[in-house]
C-alpha atoms as a PDB file:
ATOM      1  CA  GLN A   1      -7.077  10.627  12.057  1.00  0.00           C
ATOM      2  CA  VAL A   2      -5.993   7.031  12.227  1.00  0.00           C
ATOM      3  CA  GLN A   3      -2.262   6.583  12.790  1.00  0.00           C
ATOM      4  CA  LEU A   4      -0.585   4.235  10.304  1.00  0.00           C
ATOM      5  CA  VAL A   5       2.852   2.632  10.615  1.00  0.00           C
ATOM      6  CA  GLU A   6       4.551   0.763   7.758  1.00  0.00           C
ATOM      7  CA  SER A   7       7.222  -1.888   8.074  1.00  0.00           C
ATOM      8  CA  GLY A   8       8.913  -4.534   5.952  1.00  0.00           C
ATOM      9  CA  GLY A   9      10.839  -2.494   3.421  1.00  0.00           C
ATOM     10  CA  GLY A  10      14.393  -3.316   2.467  1.00  0.00           C
ATOM     11  CA  LEU A  11      16.810  -4.325  -0.263  1.00  0.00           C
ATOM     12  CA  VAL A  12      15.999  -7.237  -2.552  1.00  0.00           C
ATOM     13  CA  GLN A  13      17.332  -8.527  -5.841  1.00  0.00           C
ATOM     14  CA  ALA A  14      15.293  -8.331  -9.007  1.00  0.00           C
ATOM     15  CA  GLY A  15      12.885 -11.257  -9.195  1.00  0.00           C
ATOM     16  CA  GLY A  16      12.690 -11.485  -5.435  1.00  0.00           C
ATOM     17  CA  SER A  17       9.831 -10.947  -3.009  1.00  0.00           C
ATOM     18  CA  LEU A  18       9.070  -8.668  -0.095  1.00  0.00           C
ATOM     19  CA  ARG A  19       6.075  -8.175   2.178  1.00  0.00           C
ATOM     20  CA  LEU A  20       5.105  -4.791   3.543  1.00  0.00           C
ATOM     21  CA  SER A  21       2.861  -4.321   6.563  1.00  0.00           C
ATOM     22  CA  CYS A  22       0.795  -1.348   7.673  1.00  0.00           C
ATOM     23  CA  ALA A  23      -0.542  -1.323  11.217  1.00  0.00           C
ATOM     24  CA  ALA A  24      -3.429   0.963  12.148  1.00  0.00           C
ATOM     25  CA  SER A  25      -3.631   2.483  15.617  1.00  0.00           C
ATOM     26  CA  GLU A  26      -7.290   1.589  16.069  1.00  0.00           C
ATOM     27  CA  GLY A  27     -10.063  -0.533  14.665  1.00  0.00           C
ATOM     28  CA  LEU A  28     -11.230   0.645  11.271  1.00  0.00           C
ATOM     29  CA  SER A  29     -14.742   1.363  10.097  1.00  0.00           C
ATOM     30  CA  SER A  30     -16.380  -1.032   7.670  1.00  0.00           C
ATOM     31  CA  SER A  31     -16.614   1.882   5.225  1.00  0.00           C
ATOM     32  CA  TYR A  32     -12.861   2.424   5.278  1.00  0.00           C
ATOM     33  CA  THR A  33     -10.517   1.684   2.399  1.00  0.00           C
ATOM     34  CA  MET A  34      -6.795   1.190   2.826  1.00  0.00           C
ATOM     35  CA  ALA A  35      -4.244   1.574   0.093  1.00  0.00           C
ATOM     36  CA  TRP A  36      -0.590   1.495  -0.865  1.00  0.00           C
ATOM     37  CA  PHE A  37       1.072   4.288  -2.788  1.00  0.00           C
ATOM     38  CA  ARG A  38       4.684   4.774  -3.824  1.00  0.00           C
ATOM     39  CA  GLN A  39       6.881   7.709  -4.643  1.00  0.00           C
ATOM     40  CA  ALA A  40      10.333   8.174  -6.121  1.00  0.00           C
ATOM     41  CA  PRO A  41      12.410  11.312  -5.482  1.00  0.00           C
ATOM     42  CA  GLY A  42      11.229  14.169  -7.684  1.00  0.00           C
ATOM     43  CA  LYS A  43       8.170  12.292  -8.865  1.00  0.00           C
ATOM     44  CA  GLU A  44       4.517  12.397  -7.933  1.00  0.00           C
ATOM     45  CA  ARG A  45       3.100   9.863  -5.536  1.00  0.00           C
ATOM     46  CA  GLU A  46       1.372   7.088  -7.447  1.00  0.00           C
ATOM     47  CA  PHE A  47      -1.274   4.551  -6.565  1.00  0.00           C
ATOM     48  CA  VAL A  48      -0.334   0.881  -6.193  1.00  0.00           C
ATOM     49  CA  ALA A  49      -3.255  -1.061  -4.716  1.00  0.00           C
ATOM     50  CA  SER A  50      -6.251  -0.696  -2.428  1.00  0.00           C
ATOM     51  CA  ILE A  51      -8.638  -2.824  -0.408  1.00  0.00           C
ATOM     52  CA  ASN A  52     -12.012  -2.250   1.180  1.00  0.00           C
ATOM     53  CA  TRP A  53     -11.639  -2.976   4.878  1.00  0.00           C
ATOM     54  CA  ASN A  54     -14.935  -4.775   5.317  1.00  0.00           C
ATOM     55  CA  ILE A  55     -15.656  -6.665   2.110  1.00  0.00           C
ATOM     56  CA  GLY A  56     -12.096  -7.038   0.908  1.00  0.00           C
ATOM     57  CA  ASP A  57     -12.670  -5.776  -2.627  1.00  0.00           C
ATOM     58  CA  THR A  58      -9.352  -4.872  -4.221  1.00  0.00           C
ATOM     59  CA  TYR A  59      -8.060  -2.637  -6.995  1.00  0.00           C
ATOM     60  CA  TYR A  60      -4.574  -2.596  -8.545  1.00  0.00           C
ATOM     61  CA  GLU A  61      -2.531  -0.336 -10.722  1.00  0.00           C
ATOM     62  CA  ASP A  62      -1.906  -2.091 -14.023  1.00  0.00           C
ATOM     63  CA  SER A  63       1.861  -2.445 -13.693  1.00  0.00           C
ATOM     64  CA  VAL A  64       1.606  -4.476 -10.472  1.00  0.00           C
ATOM     65  CA  LYS A  65      -1.297  -6.755 -11.385  1.00  0.00           C
ATOM     66  CA  GLY A  66      -0.284 -10.387 -11.080  1.00  0.00           C
ATOM     67  CA  ARG A  67       2.858  -9.478  -9.096  1.00  0.00           C
ATOM     68  CA  PHE A  68       1.537  -7.706  -5.997  1.00  0.00           C
ATOM     69  CA  THR A  69      -1.229  -8.859  -3.665  1.00  0.00           C
ATOM     70  CA  ILE A  70      -2.938  -6.615  -1.130  1.00  0.00           C
ATOM     71  CA  SER A  71      -4.645  -8.150   1.886  1.00  0.00           C
ATOM     72  CA  ARG A  72      -5.758  -7.280   5.382  1.00  0.00           C
ATOM     73  CA  ASP A  73      -6.168  -8.883   8.784  1.00  0.00           C
ATOM     74  CA  ARG A  74      -9.024  -7.100  10.469  1.00  0.00           C
ATOM     75  CA  ALA A  75      -8.353  -8.718  13.845  1.00  0.00           C
ATOM     76  CA  LYS A  76      -4.842  -7.239  13.825  1.00  0.00           C
ATOM     77  CA  ASN A  77      -5.828  -3.917  12.211  1.00  0.00           C
ATOM     78  CA  THR A  78      -3.059  -4.591   9.704  1.00  0.00           C
ATOM     79  CA  MET A  79      -2.822  -4.393   5.930  1.00  0.00           C
ATOM     80  CA  TYR A  80      -0.221  -6.162   3.824  1.00  0.00           C
ATOM     81  CA  LEU A  81       1.355  -5.868   0.401  1.00  0.00           C
ATOM     82  CA  GLN A  82       2.975  -9.046  -0.864  1.00  0.00           C
ATOM     83  CA  MET A  83       5.322  -8.090  -3.686  1.00  0.00           C
ATOM     84  CA  SER A  84       6.756 -10.739  -6.000  1.00  0.00           C
ATOM     85  CA  SER A  85       8.752 -10.714  -9.234  1.00  0.00           C
ATOM     86  CA  LEU A  86      10.151  -7.380  -8.166  1.00  0.00           C
ATOM     87  CA  LYS A  87      11.809  -5.144 -10.748  1.00  0.00           C
ATOM     88  CA  PRO A  88      14.288  -2.289 -10.338  1.00  0.00           C
ATOM     89  CA  GLY A  89      11.470   0.019 -11.434  1.00  0.00           C
ATOM     90  CA  ASP A  90       9.600  -0.914  -8.244  1.00  0.00           C
ATOM     91  CA  THR A  91      12.247   0.910  -6.208  1.00  0.00           C
ATOM     92  CA  ASP A  92      10.405   3.627  -4.295  1.00  0.00           C
ATOM     93  CA  VAL A  93       9.277   4.750  -0.881  1.00  0.00           C
ATOM     94  CA  TYR A  94       6.022   2.928  -0.198  1.00  0.00           C
ATOM     95  CA  TYR A  95       3.287   4.596   1.829  1.00  0.00           C
ATOM     96  CA  CYS A  96       0.121   3.187   3.286  1.00  0.00           C
ATOM     97  CA  ALA A  97      -2.957   5.358   3.450  1.00  0.00           C
ATOM     98  CA  GLY A  98      -6.582   5.169   4.448  1.00  0.00           C
ATOM     99  CA  ASP A  99      -9.853   7.036   4.311  1.00  0.00           C
ATOM    100  CA  PHE A 100     -13.533   6.682   3.487  1.00  0.00           C
ATOM    101  CA  TYR A 101     -13.321   5.854  -0.211  1.00  0.00           C
ATOM    102  CA  THR A 102     -14.077   3.004  -2.537  1.00  0.00           C
ATOM    103  CA  PRO A 103     -11.018   0.990  -3.588  1.00  0.00           C
ATOM    104  CA  PHE A 104     -11.176   2.699  -6.991  1.00  0.00           C
ATOM    105  CA  GLY A 105     -11.845   6.168  -5.571  1.00  0.00           C
ATOM    106  CA  ILE A 106      -8.840   6.282  -3.257  1.00  0.00           C
ATOM    107  CA  ALA A 107      -6.544   5.879  -6.279  1.00  0.00           C
ATOM    108  CA  THR A 108      -7.391   9.433  -7.362  1.00  0.00           C
ATOM    109  CA  MET A 109      -6.428  10.930  -3.968  1.00  0.00           C
ATOM    110  CA  THR A 110      -9.238  13.437  -4.551  1.00  0.00           C
ATOM    111  CA  PRO A 111     -10.272  14.766  -2.094  1.00  0.00           C
ATOM    112  CA  PRO A 112      -6.967  14.375  -0.226  1.00  0.00           C
ATOM    113  CA  VAL A 113      -6.550  11.129   1.667  1.00  0.00           C
ATOM    114  CA  GLY A 114      -6.785  11.677   5.400  1.00  0.00           C
ATOM    115  CA  SER A 115      -4.321   9.227   6.940  1.00  0.00           C
ATOM    116  CA  TRP A 116      -0.796   8.397   5.782  1.00  0.00           C
ATOM    117  CA  GLY A 117       2.059   6.379   7.170  1.00  0.00           C
ATOM    118  CA  GLN A 118       5.631   7.616   7.291  1.00  0.00           C
ATOM    119  CA  GLY A 119       6.801   5.450   4.377  1.00  0.00           C
ATOM    120  CA  THR A 120       9.155   2.531   4.017  1.00  0.00           C
ATOM    121  CA  GLN A 121      11.951   2.247   1.461  1.00  0.00           C
ATOM    122  CA  VAL A 122      11.939  -0.615  -1.043  1.00  0.00           C
ATOM    123  CA  THR A 123      15.053  -0.999  -3.173  1.00  0.00           C
ATOM    124  CA  VAL A 124      15.285  -3.587  -5.943  1.00  0.00           C
ATOM    125  CA  SER A 125      18.753  -4.223  -7.311  1.00  0.00           C
ATOM    126  CA  SER A 126      19.382  -5.508 -10.822  1.00  0.00           C
END
């Protein structure tokens, strides 16, 4: 499985911005889709956004549309999540993930997604 490493989490005030990065350990197939998920303690992991590695098609969870932007730099094997207009409800551990899905399909996590990062904490203060 591809190894994924997130970075860029931290503490930010409500209304602020933060950019997360996810670096892959190797070049990714054109059929690969990368995604961001998030999880709060005691809650299920939920989908945030995804991007097809080759074409760049994207898919977002409704609550982040217009505030978050997912992108990738294929030359650097790195995916990004630019988060703006952050709200306290965005406080979570954010995970990057990847597998051979469509951007819509990976949101279901069925079958289980093959590669996950270790997570990075994002805390939004009010």
